[in-house]
Every structure is written in structure tokens, then in C-alpha cells.
């Protein structure tokens, strides 16, 4: 997995699958929320996402009031967010 940031956009390429991936995503987003209340996450090709990342995103939205939106490139990941009823909470859109 690779991650890059520009302005308030976090772009993730490759599959999200490990604890290290979670740590890299959290570090990147934590550095952005210091100066941005709106975060856009672009998950280009991962087919899944870990539960720890879902928990972290939920905390950002519900406890910290961050305006989070997620763009997904893979239909399987979109389906996962839909199955978990998270499309509305995270403003998930197919890229």
C-alpha cells in the first residue's frame, strides 16, 4: 500500500490489509486534521479495508466532527461499505 497527501486529500493505492497500513493512514490523516476539518480519502484500488480503519474513520466523523468523504475505485469495496451501512456516514462515492 502507498499513501500520499495533497491539501486535504489522502490518496491510497494498493491493498489495505495490515496493521502497518492502518498506522500509515492514521498518521497521514492526523497530520491533515490539524489544519483541515474536511478530509477526502481516495482509495483507488483496494478491495477491502480493515476494521481498525473503519473504527478510526467512525471516530473522526462522530466524535471529532470531521467532514469525511471517501471515493472508492473498486466495486467490491463499495459493496462492503454498503453492506455495513456506512455509505451515508462516510459519504462514500464510486470514483
PDB file of N, CA and C in Angstrom:
ATOM      1  N   UNK A   1       0.832  -1.177   0.000  1.00  0.00           N
ATOM      2  CA  UNK A   1       0.000   0.000   0.000  1.00  0.00           C
ATOM      3  C   UNK A   1       0.878   1.244   0.000  1.00  0.00           C
ATOM      4  N   UNK A   2       0.501   2.219  -0.801  1.00  0.00           N
ATOM      5  CA  UNK A   2       1.171   3.521  -0.821  1.00  0.00           C
ATOM      6  C   UNK A   2       0.155   4.587  -0.480  1.00  0.00           C
ATOM      7  N   UNK A   3       0.633   5.644   0.165  1.00  0.00           N
ATOM      8  CA  UNK A   3      -0.253   6.728   0.574  1.00  0.00           C
ATOM      9  C   UNK A   3       0.422   8.062   0.272  1.00  0.00           C
ATOM     10  N   UNK A   4      -0.372   9.004  -0.224  1.00  0.00           N
ATOM     11  CA  UNK A   4       0.152  10.349  -0.471  1.00  0.00           C
ATOM     12  C   UNK A   4      -0.922  11.361  -0.083  1.00  0.00           C
ATOM     13  N   UNK A   5      -0.470  12.559   0.273  1.00  0.00           N
ATOM     14  CA  UNK A   5      -1.409  13.617   0.646  1.00  0.00           C
ATOM     15  C   UNK A   5      -1.117  14.879  -0.145  1.00  0.00           C
ATOM     16  N   UNK A   6      -2.177  15.589  -0.460  1.00  0.00           N
ATOM     17  CA  UNK A   6      -2.084  16.885  -1.114  1.00  0.00           C
ATOM     18  C   UNK A   6      -3.273  17.701  -0.630  1.00  0.00           C
ATOM     19  N   UNK A   7      -2.989  18.846  -0.022  1.00  0.00           N
ATOM     20  CA  UNK A   7      -4.037  19.691   0.542  1.00  0.00           C
ATOM     21  C   UNK A   7      -4.810  18.864   1.577  1.00  0.00           C
ATOM     22  N   UNK A   8      -6.114  18.632   1.349  1.00  0.00           N
ATOM     23  CA  UNK A   8      -6.917  17.852   2.296  1.00  0.00           C
ATOM     24  C   UNK A   8      -7.309  16.485   1.712  1.00  0.00           C
ATOM     25  N   UNK A   9      -6.566  16.021   0.707  1.00  0.00           N
ATOM     26  CA  UNK A   9      -6.871  14.760   0.036  1.00  0.00           C
ATOM     27  C   UNK A   9      -5.800  13.713   0.356  1.00  0.00           C
ATOM     28  N   UNK A  10      -6.258  12.550   0.798  1.00  0.00           N
ATOM     29  CA  UNK A  10      -5.374  11.420   1.062  1.00  0.00           C
ATOM     30  C   UNK A  10      -5.642  10.390  -0.035  1.00  0.00           C
ATOM     31  N   UNK A  11      -4.612  10.053  -0.806  1.00  0.00           N
ATOM     32  CA  UNK A  11      -4.752   9.080  -1.886  1.00  0.00           C
ATOM     33  C   UNK A  11      -4.046   7.790  -1.486  1.00  0.00           C
ATOM     34  N   UNK A  12      -4.802   6.692  -1.560  1.00  0.00           N
ATOM     35  CA  UNK A  12      -4.281   5.385  -1.176  1.00  0.00           C
ATOM     36  C   UNK A  12      -4.320   4.470  -2.389  1.00  0.00           C
ATOM     37  N   UNK A  13      -3.153   3.891  -2.731  1.00  0.00           N
ATOM     38  CA  UNK A  13      -3.095   2.921  -3.820  1.00  0.00           C
ATOM     39  C   UNK A  13      -2.623   1.586  -3.256  1.00  0.00           C
ATOM     40  N   UNK A  14      -3.021   0.511  -3.896  1.00  0.00           N
ATOM     41  CA  UNK A  14      -2.685  -0.816  -3.404  1.00  0.00           C
ATOM     42  C   UNK A  14      -3.718  -1.288  -2.401  1.00  0.00           C
ATOM     43  N   UNK A  15      -3.522  -2.506  -1.900  1.00  0.00           N
ATOM     44  CA  UNK A  15      -4.476  -3.090  -0.953  1.00  0.00           C
ATOM     45  C   UNK A  15      -4.182  -2.690   0.486  1.00  0.00           C
ATOM     46  N   UNK A  16      -5.239  -2.361   1.203  1.00  0.00           N
ATOM     47  CA  UNK A  16      -5.151  -2.047   2.631  1.00  0.00           C
ATOM     48  C   UNK A  16      -5.372  -3.358   3.374  1.00  0.00           C
ATOM     49  N   UNK A  17      -4.336  -3.832   4.110  1.00  0.00           N
ATOM     50  CA  UNK A  17      -4.512  -5.137   4.741  1.00  0.00           C
ATOM     51  C   UNK A  17      -3.803  -5.340   6.069  1.00  0.00           C
ATOM     52  N   UNK A  18      -2.901  -4.467   6.437  1.00  0.00           N
ATOM     53  CA  UNK A  18      -2.111  -4.751   7.642  1.00  0.00           C
ATOM     54  C   UNK A  18      -2.260  -3.658   8.702  1.00  0.00           C
ATOM     55  N   UNK A  19      -1.765  -3.984   9.889  1.00  0.00           N
ATOM     56  CA  UNK A  19      -1.745  -3.012  10.980  1.00  0.00           C
ATOM     57  C   UNK A  19      -0.862  -1.826  10.590  1.00  0.00           C
ATOM     58  N   UNK A  20       0.226  -2.086   9.896  1.00  0.00           N
ATOM     59  CA  UNK A  20       1.121  -1.010   9.437  1.00  0.00           C
ATOM     60  C   UNK A  20       0.380  -0.070   8.478  1.00  0.00           C
ATOM     61  N   UNK A  21      -0.475  -0.629   7.616  1.00  0.00           N
ATOM     62  CA  UNK A  21      -1.275   0.207   6.710  1.00  0.00           C
ATOM     63  C   UNK A  21      -2.178   1.137   7.518  1.00  0.00           C
ATOM     64  N   UNK A  22      -2.812   0.582   8.551  1.00  0.00           N
ATOM     65  CA  UNK A  22      -3.660   1.383   9.432  1.00  0.00           C
ATOM     66  C   UNK A  22      -2.856   2.524  10.052  1.00  0.00           C
ATOM     67  N   UNK A  23      -1.661   2.214  10.549  1.00  0.00           N
ATOM     68  CA  UNK A  23      -0.826   3.227  11.195  1.00  0.00           C
ATOM     69  C   UNK A  23      -0.433   4.332  10.203  1.00  0.00           C
ATOM     70  N   UNK A  24      -0.097   3.962   8.979  1.00  0.00           N
ATOM     71  CA  UNK A  24       0.287   4.956   7.971  1.00  0.00           C
ATOM     72  C   UNK A  24      -0.900   5.862   7.609  1.00  0.00           C
ATOM     73  N   UNK A  25      -2.073   5.264   7.462  1.00  0.00           N
ATOM     74  CA  UNK A  25      -3.274   6.049   7.138  1.00  0.00           C
ATOM     75  C   UNK A  25      -3.601   6.989   8.294  1.00  0.00           C
ATOM     76  N   UNK A  26      -3.577   6.478   9.514  1.00  0.00           N
ATOM     77  CA  UNK A  26      -3.889   7.298  10.690  1.00  0.00           C
ATOM     78  C   UNK A  26      -2.911   8.463  10.820  1.00  0.00           C
ATOM     79  N   UNK A  27      -1.609   8.199  10.661  1.00  0.00           N
ATOM     80  CA  UNK A  27      -0.607   9.270  10.748  1.00  0.00           C
ATOM     81  C   UNK A  27      -0.849  10.345   9.692  1.00  0.00           C
ATOM     82  N   UNK A  28      -1.152   9.926   8.476  1.00  0.00           N
ATOM     83  CA  UNK A  28      -1.388  10.887   7.390  1.00  0.00           C
ATOM     84  C   UNK A  28      -2.613  11.752   7.668  1.00  0.00           C
ATOM     85  N   UNK A  29      -3.684  11.129   8.107  1.00  0.00           N
ATOM     86  CA  UNK A  29      -4.914  11.880   8.368  1.00  0.00           C
ATOM     87  C   UNK A  29      -4.763  12.758   9.610  1.00  0.00           C
ATOM     88  N   UNK A  30      -4.117  12.245  10.648  1.00  0.00           N
ATOM     89  CA  UNK A  30      -3.902  13.047  11.854  1.00  0.00           C
ATOM     90  C   UNK A  30      -3.128  14.328  11.544  1.00  0.00           C
ATOM     91  N   UNK A  31      -2.158  14.242  10.637  1.00  0.00           N
ATOM     92  CA  UNK A  31      -1.395  15.444  10.292  1.00  0.00           C
ATOM     93  C   UNK A  31      -2.257  16.440   9.499  1.00  0.00           C
ATOM     94  N   UNK A  32      -3.238  15.932   8.745  1.00  0.00           N
ATOM     95  CA  UNK A  32      -4.111  16.821   7.969  1.00  0.00           C
ATOM     96  C   UNK A  32      -5.181  17.494   8.830  1.00  0.00           C
ATOM     97  N   UNK A  33      -5.729  16.770   9.806  1.00  0.00           N
ATOM     98  CA  UNK A  33      -6.838  17.348  10.575  1.00  0.00           C
ATOM     99  C   UNK A  33      -6.391  18.466  11.502  1.00  0.00           C
ATOM    100  N   UNK A  34      -5.096  18.633  11.667  1.00  0.00           N
ATOM    101  CA  UNK A  34      -4.603  19.765  12.442  1.00  0.00           C
ATOM    102  C   UNK A  34      -4.957  21.077  11.748  1.00  0.00           C
ATOM    103  N   UNK A  35      -5.042  21.061  10.412  1.00  0.00           N
ATOM    104  CA  UNK A  35      -5.326  22.291   9.672  1.00  0.00           C
ATOM    105  C   UNK A  35      -6.545  22.195   8.754  1.00  0.00           C
ATOM    106  N   UNK A  36      -7.210  21.034   8.702  1.00  0.00           N
ATOM    107  CA  UNK A  36      -8.386  20.852   7.844  1.00  0.00           C
ATOM    108  C   UNK A  36      -9.498  20.157   8.609  1.00  0.00           C
ATOM    109  N   UNK A  37     -10.716  20.643   8.435  1.00  0.00           N
ATOM    110  CA  UNK A  37     -11.875  19.999   9.039  1.00  0.00           C
ATOM    111  C   UNK A  37     -12.593  19.117   8.024  1.00  0.00           C
ATOM    112  N   UNK A  38     -12.174  19.215   6.758  1.00  0.00           N
ATOM    113  CA  UNK A  38     -12.746  18.418   5.680  1.00  0.00           C
ATOM    114  C   UNK A  38     -11.637  17.559   5.086  1.00  0.00           C
ATOM    115  N   UNK A  39     -11.863  16.256   5.060  1.00  0.00           N
ATOM    116  CA  UNK A  39     -10.872  15.318   4.541  1.00  0.00           C
ATOM    117  C   UNK A  39     -11.525  14.455   3.459  1.00  0.00           C
ATOM    118  N   UNK A  40     -10.831  14.304   2.347  1.00  0.00           N
ATOM    119  CA  UNK A  40     -11.276  13.426   1.260  1.00  0.00           C
ATOM    120  C   UNK A  40     -10.279  12.277   1.162  1.00  0.00           C
ATOM    121  N   UNK A  41     -10.791  11.068   1.202  1.00  0.00           N
ATOM    122  CA  UNK A  41      -9.937   9.889   1.098  1.00  0.00           C
ATOM    123  C   UNK A  41     -10.242   9.192  -0.219  1.00  0.00           C
ATOM    124  N   UNK A  42      -9.225   9.055  -1.044  1.00  0.00           N
ATOM    125  CA  UNK A  42      -9.359   8.428  -2.360  1.00  0.00           C
ATOM    126  C   UNK A  42      -8.686   7.058  -2.305  1.00  0.00           C
ATOM    127  N   UNK A  43      -9.509   6.011  -2.207  1.00  0.00           N
ATOM    128  CA  UNK A  43      -8.993   4.637  -2.152  1.00  0.00           C
ATOM    129  C   UNK A  43      -9.106   4.079  -3.568  1.00  0.00           C
ATOM    130  N   UNK A  44      -7.994   4.090  -4.280  1.00  0.00           N
ATOM    131  CA  UNK A  44      -8.014   3.790  -5.709  1.00  0.00           C
ATOM    132  C   UNK A  44      -8.289   2.334  -6.063  1.00  0.00           C
ATOM    133  N   UNK A  45      -7.571   1.391  -5.440  1.00  0.00           N
ATOM    134  CA  UNK A  45      -7.729   0.017  -5.900  1.00  0.00           C
ATOM    135  C   UNK A  45      -7.799  -1.062  -4.822  1.00  0.00           C
ATOM    136  N   UNK A  46      -7.924  -0.695  -3.577  1.00  0.00           N
ATOM    137  CA  UNK A  46      -8.053  -1.713  -2.528  1.00  0.00           C
ATOM    138  C   UNK A  46      -9.433  -2.365  -2.623  1.00  0.00           C
ATOM    139  N   UNK A  47      -9.454  -3.692  -2.414  1.00  0.00           N
ATOM    140  CA  UNK A  47     -10.733  -4.405  -2.478  1.00  0.00           C
ATOM    141  C   UNK A  47     -11.363  -4.563  -1.093  1.00  0.00           C
ATOM    142  N   UNK A  48     -10.611  -4.179  -0.042  1.00  0.00           N
ATOM    143  CA  UNK A  48     -11.124  -4.304   1.319  1.00  0.00           C
ATOM    144  C   UNK A  48     -10.523  -3.204   2.190  1.00  0.00           C
ATOM    145  N   UNK A  49     -10.987  -3.179   3.437  1.00  0.00           N
ATOM    146  CA  UNK A  49     -10.497  -2.206   4.405  1.00  0.00           C
ATOM    147  C   UNK A  49     -10.561  -2.874   5.774  1.00  0.00           C
ATOM    148  N   UNK A  50      -9.620  -2.570   6.649  1.00  0.00           N
ATOM    149  CA  UNK A  50      -9.606  -3.244   7.946  1.00  0.00           C
ATOM    150  C   UNK A  50     -10.613  -2.617   8.915  1.00  0.00           C
ATOM    151  N   UNK A  51     -11.024  -3.402   9.890  1.00  0.00           N
ATOM    152  CA  UNK A  51     -11.991  -2.912  10.873  1.00  0.00           C
ATOM    153  C   UNK A  51     -11.401  -1.778  11.706  1.00  0.00           C
ATOM    154  N   UNK A  52     -10.099  -1.803  11.941  1.00  0.00           N
ATOM    155  CA  UNK A  52      -9.483  -0.722  12.723  1.00  0.00           C
ATOM    156  C   UNK A  52      -9.572   0.617  11.972  1.00  0.00           C
ATOM    157  N   UNK A  53      -9.461   0.583  10.667  1.00  0.00           N
ATOM    158  CA  UNK A  53      -9.585   1.812   9.875  1.00  0.00           C
ATOM    159  C   UNK A  53     -11.032   2.297   9.881  1.00  0.00           C
ATOM    160  N   UNK A  54     -11.975   1.373   9.766  1.00  0.00           N
ATOM    161  CA  UNK A  54     -13.395   1.756   9.836  1.00  0.00           C
ATOM    162  C   UNK A  54     -13.687   2.396  11.194  1.00  0.00           C
ATOM    163  N   UNK A  55     -13.166   1.818  12.262  1.00  0.00           N
ATOM    164  CA  UNK A  55     -13.354   2.391  13.600  1.00  0.00           C
ATOM    165  C   UNK A  55     -12.745   3.774  13.715  1.00  0.00           C
ATOM    166  N   UNK A  56     -11.558   3.945  13.159  1.00  0.00           N
ATOM    167  CA  UNK A  56     -10.889   5.248  13.186  1.00  0.00           C
ATOM    168  C   UNK A  56     -11.696   6.288  12.410  1.00  0.00           C
ATOM    169  N   UNK A  57     -12.182   5.929  11.216  1.00  0.00           N
ATOM    170  CA  UNK A  57     -12.994   6.857  10.418  1.00  0.00           C
ATOM    171  C   UNK A  57     -14.279   7.227  11.159  1.00  0.00           C
ATOM    172  N   UNK A  58     -14.897   6.238  11.810  1.00  0.00           N
ATOM    173  CA  UNK A  58     -16.133   6.490  12.561  1.00  0.00           C
ATOM    174  C   UNK A  58     -15.873   7.477  13.698  1.00  0.00           C
ATOM    175  N   UNK A  59     -14.768   7.300  14.396  1.00  0.00           N
ATOM    176  CA  UNK A  59     -14.406   8.221  15.478  1.00  0.00           C
ATOM    177  C   UNK A  59     -14.204   9.642  14.937  1.00  0.00           C
ATOM    178  N   UNK A  60     -13.532   9.759  13.804  1.00  0.00           N
ATOM    179  CA  UNK A  60     -13.309  11.087  13.221  1.00  0.00           C
ATOM    180  C   UNK A  60     -14.626  11.802  12.934  1.00  0.00           C
ATOM    181  N   UNK A  61     -15.570  11.071  12.359  1.00  0.00           N
ATOM    182  CA  UNK A  61     -16.850  11.675  11.971  1.00  0.00           C
ATOM    183  C   UNK A  61     -17.723  11.939  13.189  1.00  0.00           C
ATOM    184  N   UNK A  62     -17.916  10.930  14.024  1.00  0.00           N
ATOM    185  CA  UNK A  62     -18.895  11.044  15.102  1.00  0.00           C
ATOM    186  C   UNK A  62     -18.387  11.759  16.349  1.00  0.00           C
ATOM    187  N   UNK A  63     -17.122  11.612  16.697  1.00  0.00           N
ATOM    188  CA  UNK A  63     -16.617  12.232  17.925  1.00  0.00           C
ATOM    189  C   UNK A  63     -15.886  13.540  17.677  1.00  0.00           C
ATOM    190  N   UNK A  64     -15.166  13.618  16.559  1.00  0.00           N
ATOM    191  CA  UNK A  64     -14.353  14.800  16.305  1.00  0.00           C
ATOM    192  C   UNK A  64     -14.989  15.770  15.314  1.00  0.00           C
ATOM    193  N   UNK A  65     -16.114  15.387  14.706  1.00  0.00           N
ATOM    194  CA  UNK A  65     -16.831  16.279  13.809  1.00  0.00           C
ATOM    195  C   UNK A  65     -16.118  16.574  12.486  1.00  0.00           C
ATOM    196  N   UNK A  66     -15.262  15.660  12.054  1.00  0.00           N
ATOM    197  CA  UNK A  66     -14.558  15.848  10.787  1.00  0.00           C
ATOM    198  C   UNK A  66     -15.506  15.547   9.633  1.00  0.00           C
ATOM    199  N   UNK A  67     -15.505  16.397   8.617  1.00  0.00           N
ATOM    200  CA  UNK A  67     -16.297  16.186   7.404  1.00  0.00           C
ATOM    201  C   UNK A  67     -15.485  15.261   6.497  1.00  0.00           C
ATOM    202  N   UNK A  68     -15.798  13.964   6.557  1.00  0.00           N
ATOM    203  CA  UNK A  68     -15.032  12.947   5.857  1.00  0.00           C
ATOM    204  C   UNK A  68     -15.817  12.443   4.659  1.00  0.00           C
ATOM    205  N   UNK A  69     -15.156  12.339   3.516  1.00  0.00           N
ATOM    206  CA  UNK A  69     -15.776  11.687   2.369  1.00  0.00           C
ATOM    207  C   UNK A  69     -14.759  10.748   1.740  1.00  0.00           C
ATOM    208  N   UNK A  70     -15.281   9.636   1.219  1.00  0.00           N
ATOM    209  CA  UNK A  70     -14.425   8.592   0.669  1.00  0.00           C
ATOM    210  C   UNK A  70     -14.817   8.315  -0.775  1.00  0.00           C
ATOM    211  N   UNK A  71     -13.807   8.278  -1.638  1.00  0.00           N
ATOM    212  CA  UNK A  71     -14.003   7.860  -3.026  1.00  0.00           C
ATOM    213  C   UNK A  71     -13.362   6.490  -3.169  1.00  0.00           C
ATOM    214  N   UNK A  72     -14.094   5.541  -3.734  1.00  0.00           N
ATOM    215  CA  UNK A  72     -13.549   4.195  -3.919  1.00  0.00           C
ATOM    216  C   UNK A  72     -13.487   3.853  -5.395  1.00  0.00           C
ATOM    217  N   UNK A  73     -12.436   3.131  -5.778  1.00  0.00           N
ATOM    218  CA  UNK A  73     -12.267   2.748  -7.167  1.00  0.00           C
ATOM    219  C   UNK A  73     -12.728   1.330  -7.457  1.00  0.00           C
ATOM    220  N   UNK A  74     -12.880   0.510  -6.436  1.00  0.00           N
ATOM    221  CA  UNK A  74     -13.221  -0.890  -6.634  1.00  0.00           C
ATOM    222  C   UNK A  74     -14.658  -1.179  -6.201  1.00  0.00           C
ATOM    223  N   UNK A  75     -15.389  -1.904  -7.030  1.00  0.00           N
ATOM    224  CA  UNK A  75     -16.791  -2.210  -6.754  1.00  0.00           C
ATOM    225  C   UNK A  75     -16.952  -3.061  -5.491  1.00  0.00           C
ATOM    226  N   UNK A  76     -15.995  -3.945  -5.218  1.00  0.00           N
ATOM    227  CA  UNK A  76     -16.082  -4.792  -4.016  1.00  0.00           C
ATOM    228  C   UNK A  76     -16.019  -3.965  -2.745  1.00  0.00           C
ATOM    229  N   UNK A  77     -15.164  -2.961  -2.729  1.00  0.00           N
ATOM    230  CA  UNK A  77     -15.060  -2.094  -1.552  1.00  0.00           C
ATOM    231  C   UNK A  77     -16.321  -1.253  -1.396  1.00  0.00           C
ATOM    232  N   UNK A  78     -16.862  -0.788  -2.495  1.00  0.00           N
ATOM    233  CA  UNK A  78     -18.123  -0.029  -2.447  1.00  0.00           C
ATOM    234  C   UNK A  78     -19.220  -0.912  -1.859  1.00  0.00           C
ATOM    235  N   UNK A  79     -19.256  -2.158  -2.282  1.00  0.00           N
ATOM    236  CA  UNK A  79     -20.246  -3.103  -1.781  1.00  0.00           C
ATOM    237  C   UNK A  79     -20.064  -3.342  -0.277  1.00  0.00           C
ATOM    238  N   UNK A  80     -18.814  -3.428   0.172  1.00  0.00           N
ATOM    239  CA  UNK A  80     -18.527  -3.616   1.598  1.00  0.00           C
ATOM    240  C   UNK A  80     -19.075  -2.440   2.416  1.00  0.00           C
ATOM    241  N   UNK A  81     -18.787  -1.206   1.982  1.00  0.00           N
ATOM    242  CA  UNK A  81     -19.317  -0.035   2.694  1.00  0.00           C
ATOM    243  C   UNK A  81     -20.844  -0.061   2.707  1.00  0.00           C
ATOM    244  N   UNK A  82     -21.448  -0.481   1.599  1.00  0.00           N
ATOM    245  CA  UNK A  82     -22.908  -0.557   1.514  1.00  0.00           C
ATOM    246  C   UNK A  82     -23.443  -1.622   2.473  1.00  0.00           C
ATOM    247  N   UNK A  83     -22.819  -2.806   2.480  1.00  0.00           N
ATOM    248  CA  UNK A  83     -23.256  -3.894   3.366  1.00  0.00           C
ATOM    249  C   UNK A  83     -23.173  -3.489   4.840  1.00  0.00           C
ATOM    250  N   UNK A  84     -22.189  -2.665   5.180  1.00  0.00           N
ATOM    251  CA  UNK A  84     -22.001  -2.222   6.563  1.00  0.00           C
ATOM    252  C   UNK A  84     -22.801  -0.959   6.904  1.00  0.00           C
ATOM    253  N   UNK A  85     -23.610  -0.504   5.945  1.00  0.00           N
ATOM    254  CA  UNK A  85     -24.423   0.710   6.111  1.00  0.00           C
ATOM    255  C   UNK A  85     -23.580   1.931   6.456  1.00  0.00           C
ATOM    256  N   UNK A  86     -22.434   2.072   5.785  1.00  0.00           N
ATOM    257  CA  UNK A  86     -21.529   3.187   6.058  1.00  0.00           C
ATOM    258  C   UNK A  86     -21.463   4.194   4.913  1.00  0.00           C
ATOM    259  N   UNK A  87     -22.215   3.966   3.841  1.00  0.00           N
ATOM    260  CA  UNK A  87     -22.156   4.856   2.677  1.00  0.00           C
ATOM    261  C   UNK A  87     -22.548   6.281   3.058  1.00  0.00           C
ATOM    262  N   UNK A  88     -23.606   6.430   3.812  1.00  0.00           N
ATOM    263  CA  UNK A  88     -24.070   7.767   4.203  1.00  0.00           C
ATOM    264  C   UNK A  88     -23.128   8.414   5.217  1.00  0.00           C
ATOM    265  N   UNK A  89     -22.727   7.654   6.232  1.00  0.00           N
ATOM    266  CA  UNK A  89     -21.848   8.198   7.284  1.00  0.00           C
ATOM    267  C   UNK A  89     -20.544   8.746   6.702  1.00  0.00           C
ATOM    268  N   UNK A  90     -19.934   7.994   5.783  1.00  0.00           N
ATOM    269  CA  UNK A  90     -18.639   8.386   5.218  1.00  0.00           C
ATOM    270  C   UNK A  90     -18.751   9.071   3.853  1.00  0.00           C
ATOM    271  N   UNK A  91     -19.983   9.317   3.401  1.00  0.00           N
ATOM    272  CA  UNK A  91     -20.216   9.959   2.098  1.00  0.00           C
ATOM    273  C   UNK A  91     -19.422   9.241   1.007  1.00  0.00           C
ATOM    274  N   UNK A  92     -19.608   7.915   0.946  1.00  0.00           N
ATOM    275  CA  UNK A  92     -18.846   7.085   0.008  1.00  0.00           C
ATOM    276  C   UNK A  92     -19.419   7.231  -1.397  1.00  0.00           C
ATOM    277  N   UNK A  93     -18.519   7.423  -2.365  1.00  0.00           N
ATOM    278  CA  UNK A  93     -18.898   7.533  -3.772  1.00  0.00           C
ATOM    279  C   UNK A  93     -17.960   6.671  -4.601  1.00  0.00           C
ATOM    280  N   UNK A  94     -18.482   6.133  -5.677  1.00  0.00           N
ATOM    281  CA  UNK A  94     -17.663   5.367  -6.610  1.00  0.00           C
ATOM    282  C   UNK A  94     -16.874   6.358  -7.450  1.00  0.00           C
ATOM    283  N   UNK A  95     -15.551   6.171  -7.527  1.00  0.00           N
ATOM    284  CA  UNK A  95     -14.695   7.085  -8.295  1.00  0.00           C
ATOM    285  C   UNK A  95     -14.749   6.774  -9.776  1.00  0.00           C
TER     286      UNK A  95
END
